[in-house]
Amino acid sequence: MKLYELSDRLCELEETIENLEGIAIPADLHLEYLKILAEADQTRDDFNNKVDSILSLIQSRKKWLEIRKAEAERLQNLVKKDEKTIEWLQEYLKQHLEKIGVNKLRTNKFNLSIRKASTAPLKLLVEDAKTYPEQYQRVTVEVDKKALKEAVKNGDTEALKYAKFGEKSTYLMIK
């Protein structure tokens, strides 16, 4: 049975048991009442086993997630290393071609040439972006959610125009 089927059945059985509590059960129906109690116990056990299985799956997925994140980070580091190696090799080759005065070269596999860029790279004379005139600045505006949350928490009427607390959600805590 699936978890939702078990939880539905368990609710039905518990409701039936609750409705029968405090009622004098005739002797001929007492055996049926005991069967309902036994089925409720078995369903509860099945439910708990299903929950254990799901929790095991969650823990397994968490481990795989950690492994995959580590692998993604490792691959990203390799990409950066490859980019730096390519950049270094190109500069190394260019320097030595320029050293011997070669601007064009044809090999068995490749044709290469050293060319001047169409525009020179921009070099900033001042590093502090705040000192530049507005037309040369890019401004990004973001909501400071942490400050807004604290203001709403403290009952700030101005903050309450822009935000409010929603309903608290529930979450699983797995130990």
C-alpha atoms as a PDB file:
ATOM      1  CA  MET A   1       0.000   0.000   0.000  1.00  0.00           C
ATOM      2  CA  LYS A   2       1.064   3.557  -0.619  1.00  0.00           C
ATOM      3  CA  LEU A   3       1.516   6.039   2.225  1.00  0.00           C
ATOM      4  CA  TYR A   4      -1.632   7.996   1.337  1.00  0.00           C
ATOM      5  CA  GLU A   5      -3.662   4.745   1.281  1.00  0.00           C
ATOM      6  CA  LEU A   6      -2.283   3.739   4.667  1.00  0.00           C
ATOM      7  CA  SER A   7      -2.963   7.162   6.197  1.00  0.00           C
ATOM      8  CA  ASP A   8      -6.525   7.189   4.801  1.00  0.00           C
ATOM      9  CA  ARG A   9      -7.203   3.672   6.108  1.00  0.00           C
ATOM     10  CA  LEU A  10      -5.680   4.496   9.482  1.00  0.00           C
ATOM     11  CA  CYS A  11      -7.918   7.570   9.801  1.00  0.00           C
ATOM     12  CA  GLU A  12     -10.984   5.464   8.945  1.00  0.00           C
ATOM     13  CA  LEU A  13     -10.081   2.778  11.491  1.00  0.00           C
ATOM     14  CA  GLU A  14      -9.300   5.281  14.248  1.00  0.00           C
ATOM     15  CA  GLU A  15     -12.569   7.106  13.601  1.00  0.00           C
ATOM     16  CA  THR A  16     -14.460   3.802  13.806  1.00  0.00           C
ATOM     17  CA  ILE A  17     -12.678   2.894  17.053  1.00  0.00           C
ATOM     18  CA  GLU A  18     -13.414   6.357  18.521  1.00  0.00           C
ATOM     19  CA  ASN A  19     -17.090   6.001  17.623  1.00  0.00           C
ATOM     20  CA  LEU A  20     -17.249   2.587  19.286  1.00  0.00           C
ATOM     21  CA  GLU A  21     -15.514   3.688  22.507  1.00  0.00           C
ATOM     22  CA  GLY A  22     -17.873   3.983  25.439  1.00  0.00           C
ATOM     23  CA  ILE A  23     -20.528   1.954  23.664  1.00  0.00           C
ATOM     24  CA  ALA A  24     -21.498  -1.429  25.016  1.00  0.00           C
ATOM     25  CA  ILE A  25     -20.517  -3.843  22.263  1.00  0.00           C
ATOM     26  CA  PRO A  26     -22.638  -6.971  22.057  1.00  0.00           C
ATOM     27  CA  ALA A  27     -20.756 -10.251  22.560  1.00  0.00           C
ATOM     28  CA  ASP A  28     -21.356 -11.397  18.967  1.00  0.00           C
ATOM     29  CA  LEU A  29     -19.762  -8.181  17.622  1.00  0.00           C
ATOM     30  CA  HIS A  30     -16.885  -8.153  20.102  1.00  0.00           C
ATOM     31  CA  LEU A  31     -14.787 -10.366  17.798  1.00  0.00           C
ATOM     32  CA  GLU A  32     -15.319  -7.855  14.933  1.00  0.00           C
ATOM     33  CA  TYR A  33     -14.243  -5.014  17.258  1.00  0.00           C
ATOM     34  CA  LEU A  34     -11.056  -6.912  18.113  1.00  0.00           C
ATOM     35  CA  LYS A  35     -10.397  -7.442  14.383  1.00  0.00           C
ATOM     36  CA  ILE A  36     -10.741  -3.688  13.811  1.00  0.00           C
ATOM     37  CA  LEU A  37      -8.280  -3.020  16.657  1.00  0.00           C
ATOM     38  CA  ALA A  38      -5.832  -5.573  15.217  1.00  0.00           C
ATOM     39  CA  GLU A  39      -6.186  -4.095  11.726  1.00  0.00           C
ATOM     40  CA  ALA A  40      -5.558  -0.611  13.151  1.00  0.00           C
ATOM     41  CA  ASP A  41      -2.371  -1.863  14.864  1.00  0.00           C
ATOM     42  CA  GLN A  42      -1.212  -3.594  11.677  1.00  0.00           C
ATOM     43  CA  THR A  43      -1.985  -0.525   9.560  1.00  0.00           C
ATOM     44  CA  ARG A  44      -0.098   1.674  12.038  1.00  0.00           C
ATOM     45  CA  ASP A  45       2.903  -0.698  11.790  1.00  0.00           C
ATOM     46  CA  ASP A  46       2.696  -0.673   7.974  1.00  0.00           C
ATOM     47  CA  PHE A  47       2.458   3.126   8.060  1.00  0.00           C
ATOM     48  CA  ASN A  48       5.542   3.381  10.296  1.00  0.00           C
ATOM     49  CA  ASN A  49       7.459   0.989   8.033  1.00  0.00           C
ATOM     50  CA  LYS A  50       6.511   3.073   5.000  1.00  0.00           C
ATOM     51  CA  VAL A  51       7.635   6.240   6.821  1.00  0.00           C
ATOM     52  CA  ASP A  52      10.959   4.529   7.639  1.00  0.00           C
ATOM     53  CA  SER A  53      11.387   3.673   3.954  1.00  0.00           C
ATOM     54  CA  ILE A  54      10.681   7.232   2.880  1.00  0.00           C
ATOM     55  CA  LEU A  55      13.063   8.623   5.507  1.00  0.00           C
ATOM     56  CA  SER A  56      15.754   6.216   4.301  1.00  0.00           C
ATOM     57  CA  LEU A  57      15.194   7.465   0.776  1.00  0.00           C
ATOM     58  CA  ILE A  58      15.446  11.086   1.964  1.00  0.00           C
ATOM     59  CA  GLN A  59      18.720  10.359   3.774  1.00  0.00           C
ATOM     60  CA  SER A  60      20.060   8.542   0.716  1.00  0.00           C
ATOM     61  CA  ARG A  61      19.136  11.450  -1.552  1.00  0.00           C
ATOM     62  CA  LYS A  62      20.791  13.891   0.856  1.00  0.00           C
ATOM     63  CA  LYS A  63      24.031  11.909   0.632  1.00  0.00           C
ATOM     64  CA  TRP A  64      23.818  11.812  -3.175  1.00  0.00           C
ATOM     65  CA  LEU A  65      23.128  15.546  -3.167  1.00  0.00           C
ATOM     66  CA  GLU A  66      26.313  16.185  -1.172  1.00  0.00           C
ATOM     67  CA  ILE A  67      28.291  13.925  -3.509  1.00  0.00           C
ATOM     68  CA  ARG A  68      26.883  15.632  -6.609  1.00  0.00           C
ATOM     69  CA  LYS A  69      27.545  19.111  -5.211  1.00  0.00           C
ATOM     70  CA  ALA A  70      31.143  18.132  -4.459  1.00  0.00           C
ATOM     71  CA  GLU A  71      31.510  16.686  -7.964  1.00  0.00           C
ATOM     72  CA  ALA A  72      30.022  19.845  -9.516  1.00  0.00           C
ATOM     73  CA  GLU A  73      32.490  21.945  -7.516  1.00  0.00           C
ATOM     74  CA  ARG A  74      35.366  19.693  -8.587  1.00  0.00           C
ATOM     75  CA  LEU A  75      34.340  19.978 -12.240  1.00  0.00           C
ATOM     76  CA  GLN A  76      33.937  23.752 -11.938  1.00  0.00           C
ATOM     77  CA  ASN A  77      37.472  23.958 -10.543  1.00  0.00           C
ATOM     78  CA  LEU A  78      38.730  21.895 -13.480  1.00  0.00           C
ATOM     79  CA  VAL A  79      36.954  24.257 -15.894  1.00  0.00           C
ATOM     80  CA  LYS A  80      38.654  27.257 -14.286  1.00  0.00           C
ATOM     81  CA  LYS A  81      42.011  25.484 -14.391  1.00  0.00           C
ATOM     82  CA  ASP A  82      41.528  24.625 -18.087  1.00  0.00           C
ATOM     83  CA  GLU A  83      40.566  28.228 -18.883  1.00  0.00           C
ATOM     84  CA  LYS A  84      43.699  29.524 -17.160  1.00  0.00           C
ATOM     85  CA  THR A  85      45.874  26.930 -18.902  1.00  0.00           C
ATOM     86  CA  ILE A  86      44.455  27.850 -22.322  1.00  0.00           C
ATOM     87  CA  GLU A  87      44.924  31.549 -21.625  1.00  0.00           C
ATOM     88  CA  TRP A  88      48.514  30.981 -20.470  1.00  0.00           C
ATOM     89  CA  LEU A  89      49.378  28.771 -23.457  1.00  0.00           C
ATOM     90  CA  GLN A  90      47.987  31.315 -25.918  1.00  0.00           C
ATOM     91  CA  GLU A  91      49.955  34.129 -24.316  1.00  0.00           C
ATOM     92  CA  TYR A  92      53.070  31.949 -24.167  1.00  0.00           C
ATOM     93  CA  LEU A  93      52.792  31.098 -27.867  1.00  0.00           C
ATOM     94  CA  LYS A  94      52.072  34.728 -28.830  1.00  0.00           C
ATOM     95  CA  GLN A  95      55.089  36.016 -26.877  1.00  0.00           C
ATOM     96  CA  HIS A  96      57.483  33.618 -28.576  1.00  0.00           C
ATOM     97  CA  LEU A  97      56.083  34.235 -32.050  1.00  0.00           C
ATOM     98  CA  GLU A  98      56.455  37.978 -31.507  1.00  0.00           C
ATOM     99  CA  LYS A  99      59.968  37.422 -30.151  1.00  0.00           C
ATOM    100  CA  ILE A 100      61.098  35.947 -33.472  1.00  0.00           C
ATOM    101  CA  GLY A 101      59.016  38.393 -35.532  1.00  0.00           C
ATOM    102  CA  VAL A 102      56.394  35.968 -36.867  1.00  0.00           C
ATOM    103  CA  ASN A 103      52.893  37.427 -37.375  1.00  0.00           C
ATOM    104  CA  LYS A 104      51.504  34.595 -39.501  1.00  0.00           C
ATOM    105  CA  LEU A 105      52.277  30.911 -39.381  1.00  0.00           C
ATOM    106  CA  ARG A 106      50.919  27.887 -41.200  1.00  0.00           C
ATOM    107  CA  THR A 107      51.498  24.435 -39.710  1.00  0.00           C
ATOM    108  CA  ASN A 108      50.322  21.005 -40.838  1.00  0.00           C
ATOM    109  CA  LYS A 109      47.109  21.383 -38.816  1.00  0.00           C
ATOM    110  CA  PHE A 110      46.591  25.081 -38.097  1.00  0.00           C
ATOM    111  CA  ASN A 111      46.850  28.590 -39.495  1.00  0.00           C
ATOM    112  CA  LEU A 112      47.460  31.343 -37.003  1.00  0.00           C
ATOM    113  CA  SER A 113      48.068  35.041 -37.063  1.00  0.00           C
ATOM    114  CA  ILE A 114      48.735  37.730 -34.502  1.00  0.00           C
ATOM    115  CA  ARG A 115      46.359  40.670 -34.903  1.00  0.00           C
ATOM    116  CA  LYS A 116      45.711  43.924 -33.149  1.00  0.00           C
ATOM    117  CA  ALA A 117      42.340  44.220 -31.410  1.00  0.00           C
ATOM    118  CA  SER A 118      39.861  46.639 -32.989  1.00  0.00           C
ATOM    119  CA  THR A 119      39.469  48.488 -29.671  1.00  0.00           C
ATOM    120  CA  ALA A 120      41.810  48.756 -26.744  1.00  0.00           C
ATOM    121  CA  PRO A 121      40.633  47.405 -23.400  1.00  0.00           C
ATOM    122  CA  LEU A 122      39.298  49.987 -20.968  1.00  0.00           C
ATOM    123  CA  LYS A 123      41.501  50.602 -17.946  1.00  0.00           C
ATOM    124  CA  LEU A 124      39.838  52.318 -15.020  1.00  0.00           C
ATOM    125  CA  LEU A 125      41.911  55.085 -13.478  1.00  0.00           C
ATOM    126  CA  VAL A 126      39.758  55.238 -10.346  1.00  0.00           C
ATOM    127  CA  GLU A 127      38.574  52.022  -8.691  1.00  0.00           C
ATOM    128  CA  ASP A 128      35.842  53.459  -6.434  1.00  0.00           C
ATOM    129  CA  ALA A 129      32.615  53.369  -8.469  1.00  0.00           C
ATOM    130  CA  LYS A 130      30.944  55.902  -6.154  1.00  0.00           C
ATOM    131  CA  THR A 131      33.273  58.679  -7.339  1.00  0.00           C
ATOM    132  CA  TYR A 132      32.109  58.390 -10.969  1.00  0.00           C
ATOM    133  CA  PRO A 133      29.301  60.600 -12.342  1.00  0.00           C
ATOM    134  CA  GLU A 134      25.831  58.990 -12.385  1.00  0.00           C
ATOM    135  CA  GLN A 135      25.827  58.356 -16.141  1.00  0.00           C
ATOM    136  CA  TYR A 136      28.755  55.948 -15.663  1.00  0.00           C
ATOM    137  CA  GLN A 137      27.291  54.113 -12.694  1.00  0.00           C
ATOM    138  CA  ARG A 138      24.979  51.136 -12.635  1.00  0.00           C
ATOM    139  CA  VAL A 139      22.708  51.105  -9.646  1.00  0.00           C
ATOM    140  CA  THR A 140      20.903  47.976  -8.521  1.00  0.00           C
ATOM    141  CA  VAL A 141      18.176  48.261  -5.945  1.00  0.00           C
ATOM    142  CA  GLU A 142      17.294  45.283  -3.788  1.00  0.00           C
ATOM    143  CA  VAL A 143      14.916  44.809  -0.907  1.00  0.00           C
ATOM    144  CA  ASP A 144      16.756  44.311   2.369  1.00  0.00           C
ATOM    145  CA  LYS A 145      14.497  41.477   3.516  1.00  0.00           C
ATOM    146  CA  LYS A 146      16.355  41.013   6.781  1.00  0.00           C
ATOM    147  CA  ALA A 147      15.868  44.658   7.821  1.00  0.00           C
ATOM    148  CA  LEU A 148      12.265  44.665   6.583  1.00  0.00           C
ATOM    149  CA  LYS A 149      11.486  41.479   8.514  1.00  0.00           C
ATOM    150  CA  GLU A 150      12.941  42.974  11.693  1.00  0.00           C
ATOM    151  CA  ALA A 151      10.938  46.203  11.197  1.00  0.00           C
ATOM    152  CA  VAL A 152       7.687  44.264  10.644  1.00  0.00           C
ATOM    153  CA  LYS A 153       8.492  42.146  13.696  1.00  0.00           C
ATOM    154  CA  ASN A 154       8.860  45.350  15.739  1.00  0.00           C
ATOM    155  CA  GLY A 155       5.537  46.709  14.424  1.00  0.00           C
ATOM    156  CA  ASP A 156       7.011  49.566  12.347  1.00  0.00           C
ATOM    157  CA  THR A 157       3.982  51.135  10.597  1.00  0.00           C
ATOM    158  CA  GLU A 158       6.034  52.179   7.549  1.00  0.00           C
ATOM    159  CA  ALA A 159       7.339  48.624   7.097  1.00  0.00           C
ATOM    160  CA  LEU A 160       3.819  47.216   7.489  1.00  0.00           C
ATOM    161  CA  LYS A 161       2.838  49.080   4.290  1.00  0.00           C
ATOM    162  CA  TYR A 162       5.255  46.867   2.329  1.00  0.00           C
ATOM    163  CA  ALA A 163       5.273  43.501   4.062  1.00  0.00           C
ATOM    164  CA  LYS A 164       3.483  41.286   6.510  1.00  0.00           C
ATOM    165  CA  PHE A 165       4.082  37.865   7.966  1.00  0.00           C
ATOM    166  CA  GLY A 166       2.340  34.963   6.284  1.00  0.00           C
ATOM    167  CA  GLU A 167       1.260  31.805   8.018  1.00  0.00           C
ATOM    168  CA  LYS A 168       3.937  29.713   9.617  1.00  0.00           C
ATOM    169  CA  SER A 169       4.627  26.590   7.668  1.00  0.00           C
ATOM    170  CA  THR A 170       5.418  23.183   9.015  1.00  0.00           C
ATOM    171  CA  TYR A 171       8.549  21.237   8.266  1.00  0.00           C
ATOM    172  CA  LEU A 172      10.073  17.860   8.960  1.00  0.00           C
ATOM    173  CA  MET A 173      12.908  17.543  11.425  1.00  0.00           C
ATOM    174  CA  ILE A 174      14.756  14.292  10.827  1.00  0.00           C
ATOM    175  CA  LYS A 175      17.245  13.017  13.341  1.00  0.00           C
END
